[in-house]
Amino acid sequence: MVVDRSELAANLSKFYGFQGKSAICVGAGGGMLLEPATGVASVVAVDKDAEALDKFRAESKSTWAGIPIQFVPRKFEEVAFQGDVVYFEFCMYMMENQQKTLDHARTMARDIVVIDHLPGSKWIYYWAGEEEVIRSTKALESFGIKRKKRYTAEQRFKDWQAFTDRLTGAGEESRRRVLELKEVKDVRIPMDYCLYLL
């Protein structure tokens, strides 16, 4: 298995009250940590990966019954909606210009909620994504944080091959780093992340 998504979802719902709110969810492809049980009133699901968004669309037919969802297969910077909250799920560090992204989000909602990786996380080390996460964290801090909370989860894999398969596409440096764990059985990688309310 990989990270315990139910734990991450519980932390999200405790951190911010989505009850009765219209949410613009960025990075929604493949499904979200945001769950119908939060009482969210409506969702605009945005993801530039149309195929991943189709996966969420298929899942939503049973699990999101009764909650209006609009699926938008575009880059966040290209959309313009109004809602109560813009929610970024583990995607802020992948944005080309985080400051511009946050400025755009502020035009769409009063609240901005971000869940994302933290510098120094072992998980990000194996992804070889430290530079992106540092840049993203600095942008969040300079934008103005009302509240934040740090957490540590654990990515778990039955063996090294399963771990390597999960990091497919992460690049040459990532492939070099994962070799450090080649002899390890039951791979467990700490994943430090943070929830922010901006």
Protein backbone atom coordinates (compact mmCIF):
# COMPACT_ATOMS: atom_id res chain seq x y z
CA MET A 1 0.00 0.00 0.00
CA VAL A 2 1.02 3.63 -0.17
CA VAL A 3 0.11 6.51 2.14
CA ASP A 4 -2.99 6.24 4.34
CA ARG A 5 -5.34 8.55 2.44
CA SER A 6 -8.02 8.33 5.14
CA GLU A 7 -5.56 9.85 7.63
CA LEU A 8 -4.75 12.72 5.26
CA ALA A 9 -8.46 13.27 4.55
CA ALA A 10 -9.25 13.36 8.28
CA ASN A 11 -6.51 15.93 8.89
CA LEU A 12 -7.87 18.08 6.05
CA SER A 13 -11.44 18.03 7.37
CA LYS A 14 -10.26 18.88 10.91
CA PHE A 15 -8.11 21.74 9.64
CA TYR A 16 -10.74 23.58 7.60
CA GLY A 17 -14.54 23.56 7.66
CA PHE A 18 -15.86 22.87 4.16
CA GLN A 19 -19.46 22.52 5.41
CA GLY A 20 -21.88 24.34 3.10
CA LYS A 21 -19.10 25.90 1.02
CA SER A 22 -18.48 25.99 -2.71
CA ALA A 23 -14.96 24.68 -3.35
CA ILE A 24 -12.71 25.13 -6.36
CA CYS A 25 -10.42 22.10 -6.12
CA VAL A 26 -7.10 22.22 -7.96
CA GLY A 27 -5.22 18.99 -8.67
CA ALA A 28 -8.46 17.01 -8.42
CA GLY A 29 -7.55 14.38 -10.99
CA GLY A 30 -7.71 10.80 -9.78
CA GLY A 31 -9.93 11.69 -6.83
CA MET A 32 -9.45 13.96 -3.85
CA LEU A 33 -8.78 13.92 -0.14
CA LEU A 34 -11.76 16.25 0.17
CA GLU A 35 -14.71 13.95 0.84
CA PRO A 36 -18.50 14.34 0.53
CA ALA A 37 -18.77 13.76 4.29
CA THR A 38 -17.25 17.21 4.89
CA GLY A 39 -20.59 18.67 3.81
CA VAL A 40 -19.10 20.68 0.95
CA ALA A 41 -21.98 22.21 -1.04
CA SER A 42 -20.47 22.09 -4.54
CA VAL A 43 -17.17 21.40 -6.28
CA VAL A 44 -15.38 22.72 -9.34
CA ALA A 45 -12.74 20.05 -10.03
CA VAL A 46 -9.78 21.48 -11.96
CA ASP A 47 -6.87 19.45 -13.33
CA LYS A 48 -4.77 19.88 -16.47
CA ASP A 49 -4.64 16.06 -16.75
CA ALA A 50 -7.94 15.27 -18.48
CA GLU A 51 -7.43 11.52 -18.16
CA ALA A 52 -6.91 11.75 -14.39
CA LEU A 53 -9.96 13.97 -14.10
CA ASP A 54 -12.02 11.35 -15.97
CA LYS A 55 -11.03 8.86 -13.26
CA PHE A 56 -12.47 11.17 -10.60
CA ARG A 57 -15.58 11.73 -12.73
CA ALA A 58 -16.21 7.96 -12.87
CA GLU A 59 -15.67 7.58 -9.12
CA SER A 60 -17.90 10.54 -8.29
CA LYS A 61 -21.01 8.96 -9.82
CA SER A 62 -21.42 6.78 -6.75
CA THR A 63 -19.52 8.52 -3.97
CA TRP A 64 -20.54 12.13 -4.69
CA ALA A 65 -24.22 11.56 -5.47
CA GLY A 66 -26.27 14.69 -4.77
CA ILE A 67 -23.32 17.11 -4.69
CA PRO A 68 -22.90 19.21 -7.85
CA ILE A 69 -19.47 18.78 -9.46
CA GLN A 70 -18.17 20.59 -12.51
CA PHE A 71 -15.14 18.98 -14.17
CA VAL A 72 -12.66 21.36 -15.78
CA PRO A 73 -9.71 19.75 -17.66
CA ARG A 74 -7.56 22.87 -17.89
CA LYS A 75 -4.64 24.59 -16.19
CA PHE A 76 -5.73 26.50 -13.11
CA GLU A 77 -4.29 29.73 -14.48
CA GLU A 78 -6.72 29.49 -17.42
CA VAL A 79 -9.94 29.25 -15.39
CA ALA A 80 -12.05 31.85 -13.63
CA PHE A 81 -14.72 30.79 -11.14
CA GLN A 82 -16.11 32.21 -7.93
CA GLY A 83 -16.45 30.21 -4.74
CA ASP A 84 -15.90 30.21 -0.99
CA VAL A 85 -12.55 28.43 -1.04
CA VAL A 86 -9.84 27.46 -3.53
CA TYR A 87 -8.25 24.20 -2.41
CA PHE A 88 -4.87 22.99 -3.76
CA GLU A 89 -4.10 19.30 -3.18
CA PHE A 90 -0.40 18.39 -3.38
CA CYS A 91 0.08 20.44 -6.54
CA MET A 92 1.28 23.90 -5.48
CA TYR A 93 4.93 22.85 -5.76
CA MET A 94 4.33 21.86 -9.40
CA MET A 95 2.97 25.26 -10.43
CA GLU A 96 5.22 27.26 -12.75
CA ASN A 97 4.77 30.50 -10.80
CA GLN A 98 3.35 29.99 -7.31
CA GLN A 99 2.99 33.69 -6.56
CA LYS A 100 0.95 34.24 -9.72
CA THR A 101 -1.12 31.15 -8.94
CA LEU A 102 -1.93 32.40 -5.44
CA ASP A 103 -2.79 35.88 -6.70
CA HIS A 104 -5.19 34.30 -9.20
CA ALA A 105 -6.76 32.12 -6.49
CA ARG A 106 -7.40 35.20 -4.34
CA THR A 107 -9.56 36.69 -7.12
CA MET A 108 -11.76 33.58 -6.97
CA ALA A 109 -12.38 33.03 -3.25
CA ARG A 110 -11.86 34.56 0.17
CA ASP A 111 -10.15 31.45 1.55
CA ILE A 112 -7.27 29.49 0.07
CA VAL A 113 -6.41 26.08 1.53
CA VAL A 114 -3.23 24.30 0.49
CA ILE A 115 -2.00 20.83 1.42
CA ASP A 116 1.52 20.23 0.17
CA HIS A 117 4.93 18.74 0.85
CA LEU A 118 7.49 20.32 3.15
CA PRO A 119 11.21 20.93 2.58
CA GLY A 120 13.31 18.21 4.17
CA SER A 121 10.74 15.47 3.59
CA LYS A 122 12.36 12.12 2.80
CA TRP A 123 9.57 11.43 0.32
CA ILE A 124 10.46 14.58 -1.62
CA TYR A 125 14.14 13.62 -1.44
CA TYR A 126 13.40 10.36 -3.27
CA TRP A 127 11.25 12.27 -5.78
CA ALA A 128 14.22 14.66 -6.25
CA GLY A 129 11.80 17.54 -5.88
CA GLU A 130 13.48 19.61 -3.14
CA GLU A 131 13.99 22.72 -5.24
CA GLU A 132 10.34 22.93 -6.28
CA VAL A 133 9.08 22.39 -2.72
CA ILE A 134 11.41 25.03 -1.26
CA ARG A 135 10.27 27.55 -3.87
CA SER A 136 6.62 26.74 -3.22
CA THR A 137 6.98 26.99 0.56
CA LYS A 138 8.64 30.40 0.27
CA ALA A 139 5.79 31.64 -1.94
CA LEU A 140 3.19 30.45 0.57
CA GLU A 141 5.01 32.13 3.46
CA SER A 142 5.37 35.43 1.61
CA PHE A 143 1.71 35.40 0.54
CA GLY A 144 0.50 35.50 4.13
CA ILE A 145 -0.50 32.50 6.23
CA LYS A 146 -3.47 32.77 8.60
CA ARG A 147 -2.96 29.30 10.01
CA LYS A 148 -0.88 26.20 9.31
CA LYS A 149 -0.34 22.75 10.73
CA ARG A 150 2.47 20.29 10.03
CA TYR A 151 2.01 16.52 9.77
CA THR A 152 4.05 13.44 8.96
CA ALA A 153 2.55 10.52 7.08
CA GLU A 154 4.27 7.38 5.86
CA GLN A 155 4.50 6.02 2.34
CA ARG A 156 4.62 2.22 2.61
CA PHE A 157 5.51 -0.35 -0.05
CA LYS A 158 5.77 -4.14 0.10
CA ASP A 159 9.20 -4.08 -1.53
CA TRP A 160 11.73 -1.97 -3.39
CA GLN A 161 10.22 -2.75 -6.80
CA ALA A 162 6.81 -1.40 -5.74
CA PHE A 163 8.53 1.73 -4.43
CA THR A 164 10.45 2.16 -7.69
CA ASP A 165 7.26 1.69 -9.73
CA ARG A 166 5.56 4.47 -7.76
CA LEU A 167 8.36 6.89 -8.66
CA THR A 168 8.29 6.11 -12.38
CA GLY A 169 8.64 9.34 -14.31
CA ALA A 170 10.35 11.25 -11.50
CA GLY A 171 13.61 11.52 -13.44
CA GLU A 172 17.20 10.30 -13.48
CA GLU A 173 18.22 11.76 -10.10
CA SER A 174 15.23 10.09 -8.44
CA ARG A 175 16.18 6.75 -10.02
CA ARG A 176 19.71 7.13 -8.65
CA ARG A 177 18.48 7.91 -5.14
CA VAL A 178 16.02 5.03 -4.88
CA LEU A 179 18.92 2.63 -5.44
CA GLU A 180 19.91 3.43 -1.84
CA LEU A 181 17.01 1.22 -0.71
CA LYS A 182 17.42 -1.63 -3.19
CA GLU A 183 17.96 -4.28 -0.51
CA VAL A 184 15.18 -3.04 1.78
CA LYS A 185 12.03 -5.09 2.30
CA ASP A 186 8.87 -3.38 3.53
CA VAL A 187 9.91 0.11 2.40
CA ARG A 188 8.67 2.96 4.64
CA ILE A 189 9.33 6.58 3.72
CA PRO A 190 8.31 9.52 5.97
CA MET A 191 6.30 12.15 4.10
CA ASP A 192 6.28 15.56 5.81
CA TYR A 193 3.48 17.83 4.69
CA CYS A 194 1.62 20.91 5.82
CA LEU A 195 -1.88 22.34 5.66
CA TYR A 196 -2.14 26.09 5.14
CA LEU A 197 -5.02 28.54 5.32
CA LEU A 198 -4.14 31.71 3.42
